[in-house]
Amino acid sequence: MSFVFSCLRVRSSDLSVCDNANSFLQSVMWGQFKSRFGWQPFSFLIEWEGYGSSSLLALCRRLAPAVSFAYIPWGPELPANFPSENRNIALAELADKIKALLPRNIAFVRFDPPWFEVEGKEDNHNEPSVRVSRNKNQKFIRAAADIQPPDTVIIDLELSCEEILGRMKPKWRYNISLSEKRGVLVRMCNERDAAEGLETFYALLKETAARDGIAIHSIDYYKTLFEISAGKNDLRLYTAVHEIDTLAAIVVLFRGECATYLYGASSGVKRNLMAPYALQWKAMQDAKEAGCKYYDLFGIPPDDDPDHPMAGLYRFKTGFGGEIVHRPGSWDYPYKRIVYSLFRKAEALRKKIRDGKKRK
C-alpha cells in the first residue's frame, strides 16, 4: 500500500487522550511531569486511515527568544497492524501535519521513534533507521545528540525465574547469590518513608555522578516524579542495605506490560558485596509478580567497544542475559532551516564537550 497525505488525520486533544499510551514517555503522567520543568505538553489524536487511531504527546520548549522546538519521545505509537515499510513515510507526513497545531515559533520537531530491531535476529520487522533521502520532501536529519537511549537490554519476564537466571552470565548469578549470602537486604521504600529514601538515593546519586562524570538533576526533579506518579503509575525506590550502610539504590517504573529501570546510584563502600546485582534481581522478580512481561534496563552504549566511556555499563546490563534492542535514536524535522542549523552546531559542540568530560 502506498501512503499518501490523505490517509493521516491529526487533531488536537486533551492530555487525557494519552491515558492508554504504551510507553510512559507518551503518557499523561510524563506530560504533567515535564510541564513542571519548562516543557509545555501538547496532545493529539491521530487517525491512521484503515488502521485505527493512536494518541501522541509532544513536548515543547523554548530555545531562545521567539524560538522553540517540539520533542516527541518514543512516538508515534503506530497501530499493531501498521505496515513497517510505511513507517518512515508516515513519520514525515505526521511532522508536516502537526506543524499547524504547534506554536508558530517552533523551529523543528524532534522524534525518538519507538520501533526497534533485536540484535542477532534475522527476522526483524522493526527497522531501526529513519532514512535521510535525497528527495527534498524527505527532510529528516539525524540529531547531533540523542535524548532517549536508543540502545537497551530487555529481559523477558514471561520466563520462569529459573529460566531468567539461567540466561544470565554465570558471574551475574554468582554475584546475586553472594550479595544475599553476605547479608545485603533489598528494601522497597513505601509512601511513608519515601521522603527519607529519596534523600538517601540522592546522596548516592551525587556520589555516583562525581565518580562517573555524569550530569544529574536537582533532588526536586526526582521528588516531583514520585509526586506526579502517585496513584497513576507504580514508581518504586529500592535500596540495598548492609548493616548500617546503604550501598546502592534504584528507581523503577512499573507500567502496563513493562517495568523500566530509570535511575541507579551506588556507594564506593563495600563494593565487593555486589549490591547492584541484588537490586536488579529483586526489581525483576517484583515486576514479574506485578504482571509485567518485560524489564527494560533502559540504556547501554551501541556496542561492546571497550574504549567507550560507558563500557562498564554495557557489560553490567548485558550480563543479565536479555535481548539487546536498537532503536533509531533522535531525528529532527526542521521547519526553519537557518535557526535549526545554528541550534544543531551548538548542540554538537555541547555533546563534544560532554563526551570529553566522560572520557576523562
Protein backbone atom coordinates (compact mmCIF):
# COMPACT_ATOMS: atom_id res chain seq x y z
CA MET A 1 0.00 0.00 0.00
CA SER A 2 1.38 3.42 -0.94
CA PHE A 3 0.95 6.07 1.71
CA VAL A 4 -0.48 9.48 0.82
CA PHE A 5 -1.19 12.53 2.93
CA SER A 6 -4.98 11.99 2.96
CA CYS A 7 -4.51 8.74 4.92
CA LEU A 8 -3.38 10.52 8.07
CA ARG A 9 -5.51 12.91 10.11
CA VAL A 10 -4.34 14.74 13.22
CA ARG A 11 -6.34 16.86 15.65
CA SER A 12 -5.52 18.49 18.95
CA SER A 13 -6.97 16.79 22.00
CA ASP A 14 -7.00 16.89 25.78
CA LEU A 15 -3.97 15.39 27.52
CA SER A 16 -6.17 12.58 28.83
CA VAL A 17 -6.13 11.06 25.33
CA CYS A 18 -2.66 9.75 26.27
CA ASP A 19 -4.03 7.71 29.19
CA ASN A 20 -3.57 4.41 27.35
CA ALA A 21 -0.21 5.06 25.73
CA ASN A 22 2.08 2.04 25.81
CA SER A 23 5.20 3.95 26.83
CA PHE A 24 5.46 6.09 29.95
CA LEU A 25 7.20 8.66 27.73
CA GLN A 26 3.91 9.13 25.84
CA SER A 27 1.71 9.09 28.94
CA VAL A 28 -0.36 11.72 30.74
CA MET A 29 1.96 11.35 33.72
CA TRP A 30 5.03 12.24 31.66
CA GLY A 31 3.36 15.27 30.11
CA GLN A 32 2.34 16.54 33.54
CA PHE A 33 5.75 15.82 35.00
CA LYS A 34 7.72 17.59 32.26
CA SER A 35 5.37 20.59 32.44
CA ARG A 36 6.86 21.26 35.89
CA PHE A 37 10.33 21.68 34.38
CA GLY A 38 9.97 24.10 31.50
CA TRP A 39 8.18 21.92 28.92
CA GLN A 40 4.70 22.60 27.52
CA PRO A 41 2.78 19.41 26.66
CA PHE A 42 0.59 19.15 23.55
CA SER A 43 -1.54 16.10 22.88
CA PHE A 44 -3.08 14.86 19.66
CA LEU A 45 -5.32 12.12 18.34
CA ILE A 46 -4.03 10.56 15.12
CA GLU A 47 -6.31 8.64 12.77
CA TRP A 48 -4.41 6.20 10.58
CA GLU A 49 -6.93 5.53 7.83
CA GLY A 50 -7.56 1.82 7.59
CA TYR A 51 -5.52 1.01 10.72
CA GLY A 52 -7.20 2.73 13.65
CA SER A 53 -6.09 5.61 15.85
CA SER A 54 -3.48 6.44 18.47
CA SER A 55 -2.53 9.28 20.78
CA LEU A 56 0.58 11.45 20.55
CA LEU A 57 2.37 13.53 23.19
CA ALA A 58 4.62 16.37 22.05
CA LEU A 59 6.69 18.44 24.48
CA CYS A 60 7.63 21.99 23.51
CA ARG A 61 10.45 24.02 25.00
CA ARG A 62 11.89 27.48 24.46
CA LEU A 63 15.37 27.64 22.92
CA ALA A 64 15.76 31.41 22.64
CA PRO A 65 13.50 34.48 22.48
CA ALA A 66 10.74 33.70 19.96
CA VAL A 67 12.25 30.28 19.15
CA SER A 68 11.09 26.89 20.45
CA PHE A 69 11.26 23.25 19.43
CA ALA A 70 8.97 20.24 19.83
CA TYR A 71 10.08 16.84 21.07
CA ILE A 72 8.17 13.57 20.66
CA PRO A 73 9.68 10.84 22.87
CA TRP A 74 9.05 7.28 21.62
CA GLY A 75 6.28 8.39 19.31
CA PRO A 76 4.21 7.94 17.34
CA GLU A 77 2.89 4.65 18.66
CA LEU A 78 1.62 3.07 15.46
CA PRO A 79 -1.27 0.58 15.32
CA ALA A 80 -0.16 -3.05 15.62
CA ASN A 81 -1.11 -3.87 12.02
CA PHE A 82 0.59 -0.83 10.50
CA PRO A 83 2.92 -1.86 7.62
CA SER A 84 6.56 -1.47 8.62
CA GLU A 85 7.59 -0.32 5.14
CA ASN A 86 5.41 2.79 5.54
CA ARG A 87 6.66 3.90 8.95
CA ASN A 88 9.20 6.44 7.78
CA ILE A 89 6.81 7.94 5.23
CA ALA A 90 4.15 8.24 7.92
CA LEU A 91 6.64 9.95 10.21
CA ALA A 92 7.34 12.65 7.62
CA GLU A 93 3.62 13.13 7.00
CA LEU A 94 2.99 13.45 10.71
CA ALA A 95 5.73 16.08 11.06
CA ASP A 96 4.07 18.13 8.31
CA LYS A 97 0.57 17.72 9.72
CA ILE A 98 1.31 18.74 13.33
CA LYS A 99 3.18 21.90 12.31
CA ALA A 100 -0.08 23.86 12.09
CA LEU A 101 -1.15 22.57 15.51
CA LEU A 102 2.03 23.59 17.34
CA PRO A 103 3.09 27.13 18.37
CA ARG A 104 4.17 29.27 15.41
CA ASN A 105 7.69 29.78 16.77
CA ILE A 106 8.62 26.06 16.55
CA ALA A 107 11.89 25.76 14.60
CA PHE A 108 11.90 21.97 14.33
CA VAL A 109 10.34 18.82 15.72
CA ARG A 110 12.50 16.01 17.11
CA PHE A 111 11.29 12.42 17.08
CA ASP A 112 12.53 9.40 19.00
CA PRO A 113 10.65 6.72 17.02
CA PRO A 114 9.73 3.70 19.15
CA TRP A 115 10.24 0.95 16.58
CA PHE A 116 13.29 -1.22 17.00
CA GLU A 117 15.29 -4.26 15.97
CA VAL A 118 16.57 -7.04 18.20
CA GLU A 119 20.28 -7.73 17.86
CA GLY A 120 21.07 -11.11 16.33
CA LYS A 121 17.59 -11.77 14.93
CA GLU A 122 17.39 -12.16 11.17
CA ASP A 123 13.59 -11.84 11.02
CA ASN A 124 13.43 -8.27 12.31
CA HIS A 125 10.49 -6.27 11.02
CA ASN A 126 11.22 -3.16 13.07
CA GLU A 127 13.76 -1.26 11.01
CA PRO A 128 15.86 0.98 13.24
CA SER A 129 16.66 3.67 10.70
CA VAL A 130 14.82 6.79 9.63
CA ARG A 131 16.49 7.16 6.28
CA VAL A 132 17.69 10.54 5.07
CA SER A 133 16.61 10.59 1.45
CA ARG A 134 17.97 12.64 -1.42
CA ASN A 135 14.35 13.52 -2.12
CA LYS A 136 13.79 17.12 -0.99
CA ASN A 137 10.47 16.10 0.55
CA GLN A 138 12.30 13.88 3.00
CA LYS A 139 13.63 16.43 5.46
CA PHE A 140 14.77 14.26 8.38
CA ILE A 141 18.25 14.92 9.77
CA ARG A 142 19.99 12.75 12.36
CA ALA A 143 20.14 14.77 15.58
CA ALA A 144 23.53 15.84 16.88
CA ALA A 145 22.69 14.21 20.22
CA ASP A 146 20.19 11.59 21.35
CA ILE A 147 17.73 12.39 24.12
CA GLN A 148 16.44 8.91 24.96
CA PRO A 149 18.90 5.99 24.88
CA PRO A 150 18.46 4.25 21.50
CA ASP A 151 20.08 1.01 22.68
CA THR A 152 18.95 -1.07 25.62
CA VAL A 153 18.60 -4.55 27.12
CA ILE A 154 15.16 -6.08 27.69
CA ILE A 155 14.56 -9.06 29.98
CA ASP A 156 11.70 -11.44 29.15
CA LEU A 157 9.69 -11.74 32.38
CA GLU A 158 7.31 -14.32 30.94
CA LEU A 159 10.05 -16.88 31.54
CA SER A 160 10.26 -18.59 34.92
CA CYS A 161 12.65 -17.15 37.50
CA GLU A 162 14.89 -20.17 36.97
CA GLU A 163 14.96 -19.51 33.20
CA ILE A 164 15.69 -15.81 33.70
CA LEU A 165 18.62 -16.66 35.98
CA GLY A 166 19.74 -19.34 33.53
CA ARG A 167 20.11 -16.76 30.76
CA MET A 168 22.39 -14.57 32.87
CA LYS A 169 26.15 -14.89 32.71
CA PRO A 170 27.44 -17.24 35.44
CA LYS A 171 29.23 -14.40 37.22
CA TRP A 172 25.96 -12.46 37.46
CA ARG A 173 24.15 -15.38 39.07
CA TYR A 174 27.08 -15.79 41.44
CA ASN A 175 27.03 -12.09 42.38
CA ILE A 176 23.29 -12.18 43.11
CA SER A 177 23.80 -15.21 45.36
CA LEU A 178 26.87 -13.72 47.01
CA SER A 179 25.06 -10.49 47.86
CA GLU A 180 22.28 -12.42 49.56
CA LYS A 181 24.66 -14.68 51.47
CA ARG A 182 26.70 -11.71 52.72
CA GLY A 183 23.60 -10.18 54.28
CA VAL A 184 22.68 -7.42 51.81
CA LEU A 185 19.00 -6.57 52.31
CA VAL A 186 16.96 -5.06 49.48
CA ARG A 187 14.14 -2.84 50.66
CA MET A 188 11.38 -1.08 48.77
CA CYS A 189 10.52 2.32 50.22
CA ASN A 190 6.79 2.81 50.76
CA GLU A 191 4.99 6.17 50.67
CA ARG A 192 5.55 6.72 54.39
CA ASP A 193 9.34 6.60 54.18
CA ALA A 194 9.72 7.71 50.54
CA ALA A 195 10.99 11.18 51.50
CA GLU A 196 13.83 9.78 53.61
CA GLY A 197 14.56 7.18 50.93
CA LEU A 198 14.86 9.85 48.23
CA GLU A 199 17.32 11.83 50.35
CA THR A 200 19.45 8.70 50.69
CA PHE A 201 19.09 7.93 46.98
CA TYR A 202 20.12 11.46 46.02
CA ALA A 203 23.21 11.38 48.24
CA LEU A 204 24.28 8.18 46.46
CA LEU A 205 23.42 9.72 43.09
CA LYS A 206 25.68 12.72 43.72
CA GLU A 207 28.48 10.35 44.67
CA THR A 208 27.92 8.32 41.51
CA ALA A 209 27.83 11.43 39.32
CA ALA A 210 31.12 12.68 40.73
CA ARG A 211 32.73 9.26 40.24
CA ASP A 212 31.46 8.64 36.70
CA GLY A 213 31.40 12.20 35.35
CA ILE A 214 27.68 12.30 34.58
CA ALA A 215 25.13 15.09 34.93
CA ILE A 216 22.14 14.75 37.25
CA HIS A 217 19.01 16.76 38.05
CA SER A 218 18.22 18.53 41.31
CA ILE A 219 16.56 16.47 44.02
CA ASP A 220 13.29 18.32 43.32
CA TYR A 221 13.20 16.61 39.90
CA TYR A 222 13.09 13.15 41.46
CA LYS A 223 10.71 14.19 44.23
CA THR A 224 8.33 15.63 41.64
CA LEU A 225 8.47 12.43 39.60
CA PHE A 226 7.30 10.44 42.62
CA GLU A 227 4.64 13.04 43.42
CA ILE A 228 3.21 13.07 39.88
CA SER A 229 3.32 9.26 39.63
CA ALA A 230 1.35 8.67 42.82
CA GLY A 231 -1.90 6.89 42.01
CA LYS A 232 -1.19 6.80 38.26
CA ASN A 233 1.90 4.66 37.85
CA ASP A 234 3.79 2.30 40.11
CA LEU A 235 7.10 4.07 40.71
CA ARG A 236 9.33 2.25 43.18
CA LEU A 237 12.53 3.11 45.01
CA TYR A 238 14.68 0.16 46.10
CA THR A 239 17.67 0.39 48.42
CA ALA A 240 20.32 -2.20 49.22
CA VAL A 241 21.46 -2.07 52.84
CA HIS A 242 24.22 -3.88 54.71
CA GLU A 243 24.40 -3.34 58.46
CA ILE A 244 24.16 0.47 58.81
CA ASP A 245 25.32 1.27 55.26
CA THR A 246 23.08 1.94 52.25
CA LEU A 247 25.18 0.60 49.39
CA ALA A 248 23.05 1.30 46.33
CA ALA A 249 19.58 2.37 45.18
CA ILE A 250 17.49 2.19 42.01
CA VAL A 251 14.25 3.75 40.76
CA VAL A 252 11.99 1.51 38.65
CA LEU A 253 8.71 2.40 36.95
CA PHE A 254 6.09 -0.35 36.59
CA ARG A 255 3.61 0.50 33.80
CA GLY A 256 1.44 -1.94 31.90
CA GLU A 257 3.49 -4.73 30.37
CA CYS A 258 6.87 -3.12 31.03
CA ALA A 259 8.96 -2.25 34.07
CA THR A 260 11.67 0.30 33.30
CA TYR A 261 14.86 0.84 35.31
CA LEU A 262 15.11 4.64 35.27
CA TYR A 263 17.88 5.64 37.68
CA GLY A 264 20.58 3.97 39.70
CA ALA A 265 23.23 5.05 42.19
CA SER A 266 25.83 3.31 44.30
CA SER A 267 28.30 3.96 47.08
CA GLY A 268 32.01 3.40 46.91
CA VAL A 269 31.97 1.36 50.11
CA LYS A 270 31.59 -2.43 50.30
CA ARG A 271 31.51 -2.78 46.54
CA ASN A 272 32.60 -6.39 46.99
CA LEU A 273 29.07 -7.17 48.26
CA MET A 274 27.61 -6.71 44.74
CA ALA A 275 24.55 -4.74 45.88
CA PRO A 276 23.55 -3.50 42.37
CA TYR A 277 23.08 -7.11 41.22
CA ALA A 278 20.77 -7.87 44.14
CA LEU A 279 18.76 -4.70 43.44
CA GLN A 280 18.16 -5.54 39.79
CA TRP A 281 17.16 -9.12 40.56
CA LYS A 282 14.67 -8.02 43.22
CA ALA A 283 13.11 -5.47 40.86
CA MET A 284 12.81 -8.09 38.12
CA GLN A 285 11.10 -10.52 40.49
CA ASP A 286 8.67 -7.84 41.70
CA ALA A 287 7.91 -6.75 38.13
CA LYS A 288 7.16 -10.32 37.16
CA GLU A 289 4.88 -10.71 40.17
CA ALA A 290 3.11 -7.44 39.25
CA GLY A 291 2.25 -8.85 35.82
CA CYS A 292 4.88 -7.07 33.71
CA LYS A 293 6.09 -9.01 30.68
CA TYR A 294 9.35 -7.12 30.16
CA TYR A 295 12.06 -5.44 32.21
CA ASP A 296 13.84 -2.65 30.34
CA LEU A 297 17.33 -1.83 31.63
CA PHE A 298 16.96 1.45 29.70
CA GLY A 299 20.19 2.38 28.06
CA ILE A 300 23.54 0.94 27.01
CA PRO A 301 26.29 2.01 24.58
CA PRO A 302 25.59 0.91 20.98
CA ASP A 303 28.13 -1.94 21.14
CA ASP A 304 30.76 -3.53 23.37
CA ASP A 305 33.55 -1.14 22.42
CA PRO A 306 35.96 -1.31 25.41
CA ASP A 307 37.04 2.29 24.75
CA HIS A 308 33.54 3.69 25.11
CA PRO A 309 33.30 5.89 28.24
CA MET A 310 30.30 3.82 29.41
CA ALA A 311 31.74 0.41 28.51
CA GLY A 312 31.26 -0.79 32.09
CA LEU A 313 27.53 -0.06 31.83
CA TYR A 314 27.32 -2.21 28.69
CA ARG A 315 28.99 -5.14 30.46
CA PHE A 316 26.82 -4.80 33.56
CA LYS A 317 23.46 -4.66 31.80
CA THR A 318 24.11 -7.21 29.05
CA GLY A 319 25.29 -9.68 31.69
CA PHE A 320 21.68 -10.10 32.83
CA GLY A 321 21.01 -12.08 29.67
CA GLY A 322 18.26 -10.08 27.97
CA GLU A 323 17.82 -9.19 24.32
CA ILE A 324 19.82 -6.23 23.03
CA VAL A 325 17.48 -3.80 21.30
CA HIS A 326 18.36 -0.94 18.93
CA ARG A 327 16.02 1.99 18.24
CA PRO A 328 16.59 4.72 15.62
CA GLY A 329 17.65 7.44 18.08
CA SER A 330 16.71 11.11 17.69
CA TRP A 331 15.79 12.53 14.28
CA ASP A 332 14.93 16.15 13.50
CA TYR A 333 12.45 17.58 11.03
CA PRO A 334 13.31 21.28 10.51
CA TYR A 335 10.64 23.88 9.90
CA LYS A 336 13.05 26.84 9.98
CA ARG A 337 16.28 25.70 8.39
CA ILE A 338 18.59 28.57 9.35
CA VAL A 339 17.54 28.58 13.00
CA TYR A 340 17.80 24.80 13.13
CA SER A 341 21.29 24.85 11.60
CA LEU A 342 22.53 27.23 14.32
CA PHE A 343 20.99 25.07 17.06
CA ARG A 344 22.48 21.89 15.61
CA LYS A 345 26.01 23.35 15.63
CA ALA A 346 25.62 24.47 19.24
CA GLU A 347 24.24 21.09 20.29
CA ALA A 348 27.07 19.23 18.57
CA LEU A 349 29.61 21.37 20.43
CA ARG A 350 27.92 20.71 23.79
CA LYS A 351 27.92 16.99 23.09
CA LYS A 352 31.62 17.04 22.20
CA ILE A 353 32.46 18.81 25.46
CA ARG A 354 30.24 16.46 27.49
CA ASP A 355 31.72 13.34 25.91
CA GLY A 356 35.20 14.65 26.56
CA LYS A 357 34.42 15.01 30.27
CA LYS A 358 33.09 11.44 30.40
CA ARG A 359 36.25 10.05 28.80
CA LYS A 360 38.38 11.82 31.38
